[in-house]
């Protein structure tokens, strides 16, 4: 693995740790999904490739916290599948996490824009150059 690929893999892993709960809530927001369908949905996004060993404990935790409902469905001759959907509390958490994500993206875009212009988010003649919470 090249140094660049290794750095990218480490970055993606850290990013996933911070955003996986939001990604799972988004995955089940539109319609209920069973575990493997959630996993496959997330695998459609380059930075969200995770294992079952990561997903299922998270689903269990979110269920215990009252954020997700889980129901078993029998579909014909196939073994039953556990389908997950958002509770009212889960929908509220989704809205909160989505808003925080959007704020984080705006903040990071501002930081990146500042770095392009040569600013380093320090003071310049006593004035702050970065856009910060005020």
C-alpha atoms as a PDB file:
ATOM      1  CA  UNK A   1       0.000   0.000   0.000  1.00  0.00           C
ATOM      2  CA  UNK A   2       1.418   3.380  -0.940  1.00  0.00           C
ATOM      3  CA  UNK A   3       1.801   6.120   1.639  1.00  0.00           C
ATOM      4  CA  UNK A   4      -1.020   8.084  -0.013  1.00  0.00           C
ATOM      5  CA  UNK A   5      -3.345   5.068  -0.014  1.00  0.00           C
ATOM      6  CA  UNK A   6      -2.457   4.332   3.610  1.00  0.00           C
ATOM      7  CA  UNK A   7      -3.169   7.929   4.629  1.00  0.00           C
ATOM      8  CA  UNK A   8      -6.480   7.855   2.747  1.00  0.00           C
ATOM      9  CA  UNK A   9      -7.495   4.583   4.433  1.00  0.00           C
ATOM     10  CA  UNK A  10      -6.684   5.994   7.876  1.00  0.00           C
ATOM     11  CA  UNK A  11      -8.567   9.214   7.118  1.00  0.00           C
ATOM     12  CA  UNK A  12     -11.620   7.271   5.882  1.00  0.00           C
ATOM     13  CA  UNK A  13     -11.616   5.105   9.034  1.00  0.00           C
ATOM     14  CA  UNK A  14     -11.570   8.171  11.287  1.00  0.00           C
ATOM     15  CA  UNK A  15     -14.257   9.879   9.228  1.00  0.00           C
ATOM     16  CA  UNK A  16     -16.472   6.772   9.412  1.00  0.00           C
ATOM     17  CA  UNK A  17     -16.137   6.626  13.196  1.00  0.00           C
ATOM     18  CA  UNK A  18     -17.531  10.119  13.477  1.00  0.00           C
ATOM     19  CA  UNK A  19     -20.281   9.831  10.886  1.00  0.00           C
ATOM     20  CA  UNK A  20     -21.477   6.223  10.893  1.00  0.00           C
ATOM     21  CA  UNK A  21     -24.432   6.803  13.197  1.00  0.00           C
ATOM     22  CA  UNK A  22     -25.675   9.609  10.955  1.00  0.00           C
ATOM     23  CA  UNK A  23     -25.170   7.427   7.868  1.00  0.00           C
ATOM     24  CA  UNK A  24     -27.206   4.578   9.368  1.00  0.00           C
ATOM     25  CA  UNK A  25     -30.028   6.916  10.379  1.00  0.00           C
ATOM     26  CA  UNK A  26     -30.104   8.348   6.865  1.00  0.00           C
ATOM     27  CA  UNK A  27     -30.103   4.826   5.393  1.00  0.00           C
ATOM     28  CA  UNK A  28     -33.316   3.878   7.200  1.00  0.00           C
ATOM     29  CA  UNK A  29     -35.006   7.288   7.124  1.00  0.00           C
ATOM     30  CA  UNK A  30     -36.784   6.818   3.802  1.00  0.00           C
ATOM     31  CA  UNK A  31     -37.873   3.223   4.296  1.00  0.00           C
ATOM     32  CA  UNK A  32     -37.241   0.377   6.685  1.00  0.00           C
ATOM     33  CA  UNK A  33     -34.316  -1.837   5.735  1.00  0.00           C
ATOM     34  CA  UNK A  34     -32.855  -5.079   6.995  1.00  0.00           C
ATOM     35  CA  UNK A  35     -29.241  -5.216   8.137  1.00  0.00           C
ATOM     36  CA  UNK A  36     -27.656  -6.515   4.949  1.00  0.00           C
ATOM     37  CA  UNK A  37     -29.608  -3.968   2.871  1.00  0.00           C
ATOM     38  CA  UNK A  38     -28.238  -1.186   5.112  1.00  0.00           C
ATOM     39  CA  UNK A  39     -24.736  -2.582   4.690  1.00  0.00           C
ATOM     40  CA  UNK A  40     -25.090  -2.771   0.910  1.00  0.00           C
ATOM     41  CA  UNK A  41     -26.536   0.748   0.783  1.00  0.00           C
ATOM     42  CA  UNK A  42     -23.575   2.124   2.746  1.00  0.00           C
ATOM     43  CA  UNK A  43     -21.136   0.229   0.527  1.00  0.00           C
ATOM     44  CA  UNK A  44     -22.378   2.397  -2.331  1.00  0.00           C
ATOM     45  CA  UNK A  45     -20.382   5.245  -0.785  1.00  0.00           C
ATOM     46  CA  UNK A  46     -16.596   5.048  -0.937  1.00  0.00           C
ATOM     47  CA  UNK A  47     -15.960   6.245   2.622  1.00  0.00           C
ATOM     48  CA  UNK A  48     -18.742   4.174   4.218  1.00  0.00           C
ATOM     49  CA  UNK A  49     -17.510   0.647   3.483  1.00  0.00           C
ATOM     50  CA  UNK A  50     -17.852  -1.203   6.798  1.00  0.00           C
ATOM     51  CA  UNK A  51     -18.156  -4.794   7.968  1.00  0.00           C
ATOM     52  CA  UNK A  52     -21.123  -6.592   9.495  1.00  0.00           C
ATOM     53  CA  UNK A  53     -19.118  -6.663  12.728  1.00  0.00           C
ATOM     54  CA  UNK A  54     -19.253  -2.869  12.794  1.00  0.00           C
ATOM     55  CA  UNK A  55     -22.854  -2.435  11.663  1.00  0.00           C
ATOM     56  CA  UNK A  56     -24.780  -4.899  13.818  1.00  0.00           C
ATOM     57  CA  UNK A  57     -23.475  -3.701  17.209  1.00  0.00           C
ATOM     58  CA  UNK A  58     -24.342  -0.146  16.156  1.00  0.00           C
ATOM     59  CA  UNK A  59     -27.860  -1.220  15.148  1.00  0.00           C
ATOM     60  CA  UNK A  60     -28.279  -2.981  18.504  1.00  0.00           C
ATOM     61  CA  UNK A  61     -27.113   0.109  20.406  1.00  0.00           C
ATOM     62  CA  UNK A  62     -29.440   2.398  18.466  1.00  0.00           C
ATOM     63  CA  UNK A  63     -32.317   0.004  19.158  1.00  0.00           C
ATOM     64  CA  UNK A  64     -31.531  -0.046  22.909  1.00  0.00           C
ATOM     65  CA  UNK A  65     -31.400   3.762  22.906  1.00  0.00           C
ATOM     66  CA  UNK A  66     -34.874   3.911  21.355  1.00  0.00           C
ATOM     67  CA  UNK A  67     -33.626   5.476  18.125  1.00  0.00           C
ATOM     68  CA  UNK A  68     -34.506   2.486  15.925  1.00  0.00           C
ATOM     69  CA  UNK A  69     -37.390   0.053  15.831  1.00  0.00           C
ATOM     70  CA  UNK A  70     -36.612  -3.514  14.837  1.00  0.00           C
ATOM     71  CA  UNK A  71     -39.206  -5.978  13.522  1.00  0.00           C
ATOM     72  CA  UNK A  72     -38.813  -9.468  12.140  1.00  0.00           C
ATOM     73  CA  UNK A  73     -40.422 -10.071   8.735  1.00  0.00           C
ATOM     74  CA  UNK A  74     -40.887 -13.445   7.089  1.00  0.00           C
ATOM     75  CA  UNK A  75     -40.637 -13.147   3.316  1.00  0.00           C
ATOM     76  CA  UNK A  76     -41.840 -16.326   1.643  1.00  0.00           C
ATOM     77  CA  UNK A  77     -39.538 -19.311   2.058  1.00  0.00           C
ATOM     78  CA  UNK A  78     -36.524 -17.155   2.952  1.00  0.00           C
ATOM     79  CA  UNK A  79     -35.487 -17.033   6.595  1.00  0.00           C
ATOM     80  CA  UNK A  80     -36.881 -14.058   8.518  1.00  0.00           C
ATOM     81  CA  UNK A  81     -35.078 -10.730   8.350  1.00  0.00           C
ATOM     82  CA  UNK A  82     -34.930  -8.032  10.993  1.00  0.00           C
ATOM     83  CA  UNK A  83     -36.018  -4.701   9.526  1.00  0.00           C
ATOM     84  CA  UNK A  84     -34.978  -1.404  11.081  1.00  0.00           C
ATOM     85  CA  UNK A  85     -36.816   1.916  10.981  1.00  0.00           C
ATOM     86  CA  UNK A  86     -36.568   5.247  12.772  1.00  0.00           C
ATOM     87  CA  UNK A  87     -38.583   5.967  15.890  1.00  0.00           C
ATOM     88  CA  UNK A  88     -39.774   9.510  16.592  1.00  0.00           C
ATOM     89  CA  UNK A  89     -36.692   9.884  18.787  1.00  0.00           C
ATOM     90  CA  UNK A  90     -34.573   8.581  15.904  1.00  0.00           C
ATOM     91  CA  UNK A  91     -36.052  11.110  13.515  1.00  0.00           C
ATOM     92  CA  UNK A  92     -35.276  13.872  16.001  1.00  0.00           C
ATOM     93  CA  UNK A  93     -31.688  12.598  16.378  1.00  0.00           C
ATOM     94  CA  UNK A  94     -31.364  12.470  12.585  1.00  0.00           C
ATOM     95  CA  UNK A  95     -32.381  16.133  12.328  1.00  0.00           C
ATOM     96  CA  UNK A  96     -29.908  17.126  15.058  1.00  0.00           C
ATOM     97  CA  UNK A  97     -26.994  15.143  13.592  1.00  0.00           C
ATOM     98  CA  UNK A  98     -27.776  16.356  10.068  1.00  0.00           C
ATOM     99  CA  UNK A  99     -27.693  19.972  11.266  1.00  0.00           C
ATOM    100  CA  UNK A 100     -24.393  19.389  13.095  1.00  0.00           C
ATOM    101  CA  UNK A 101     -22.927  17.713   9.998  1.00  0.00           C
ATOM    102  CA  UNK A 102     -23.938  20.640   7.804  1.00  0.00           C
ATOM    103  CA  UNK A 103     -22.400  23.067  10.302  1.00  0.00           C
ATOM    104  CA  UNK A 104     -19.185  21.013  10.347  1.00  0.00           C
ATOM    105  CA  UNK A 105     -19.014  21.031   6.542  1.00  0.00           C
ATOM    106  CA  UNK A 106     -19.496  24.806   6.426  1.00  0.00           C
ATOM    107  CA  UNK A 107     -16.808  25.266   9.082  1.00  0.00           C
ATOM    108  CA  UNK A 108     -14.378  22.980   7.260  1.00  0.00           C
ATOM    109  CA  UNK A 109     -15.056  24.707   3.933  1.00  0.00           C
ATOM    110  CA  UNK A 110     -14.271  28.035   5.619  1.00  0.00           C
ATOM    111  CA  UNK A 111     -11.060  26.629   7.053  1.00  0.00           C
ATOM    112  CA  UNK A 112     -10.030  25.270   3.667  1.00  0.00           C
ATOM    113  CA  UNK A 113     -10.896  28.537   1.933  1.00  0.00           C
ATOM    114  CA  UNK A 114      -8.824  30.431   4.508  1.00  0.00           C
ATOM    115  CA  UNK A 115      -5.852  28.160   3.862  1.00  0.00           C
ATOM    116  CA  UNK A 116      -6.114  28.767   0.095  1.00  0.00           C
ATOM    117  CA  UNK A 117      -5.891  32.522   0.605  1.00  0.00           C
ATOM    118  CA  UNK A 118      -2.841  32.138   2.798  1.00  0.00           C
ATOM    119  CA  UNK A 119      -4.675  32.877   6.040  1.00  0.00           C
ATOM    120  CA  UNK A 120      -3.912  30.570   8.901  1.00  0.00           C
ATOM    121  CA  UNK A 121      -6.837  31.408  11.194  1.00  0.00           C
ATOM    122  CA  UNK A 122      -4.576  33.516  13.397  1.00  0.00           C
ATOM    123  CA  UNK A 123      -4.899  37.176  14.091  1.00  0.00           C
ATOM    124  CA  UNK A 124      -3.924  39.759  11.513  1.00  0.00           C
ATOM    125  CA  UNK A 125      -3.439  43.204  13.046  1.00  0.00           C
ATOM    126  CA  UNK A 126      -5.657  42.133  15.928  1.00  0.00           C
ATOM    127  CA  UNK A 127      -8.494  40.950  13.690  1.00  0.00           C
ATOM    128  CA  UNK A 128      -9.416  37.299  13.342  1.00  0.00           C
ATOM    129  CA  UNK A 129      -9.197  35.986   9.815  1.00  0.00           C
ATOM    130  CA  UNK A 130     -11.189  32.773  10.304  1.00  0.00           C
ATOM    131  CA  UNK A 131     -14.952  32.500  10.455  1.00  0.00           C
ATOM    132  CA  UNK A 132     -15.781  31.264  13.924  1.00  0.00           C
ATOM    133  CA  UNK A 133     -18.820  30.789  16.084  1.00  0.00           C
ATOM    134  CA  UNK A 134     -19.723  34.194  17.375  1.00  0.00           C
END
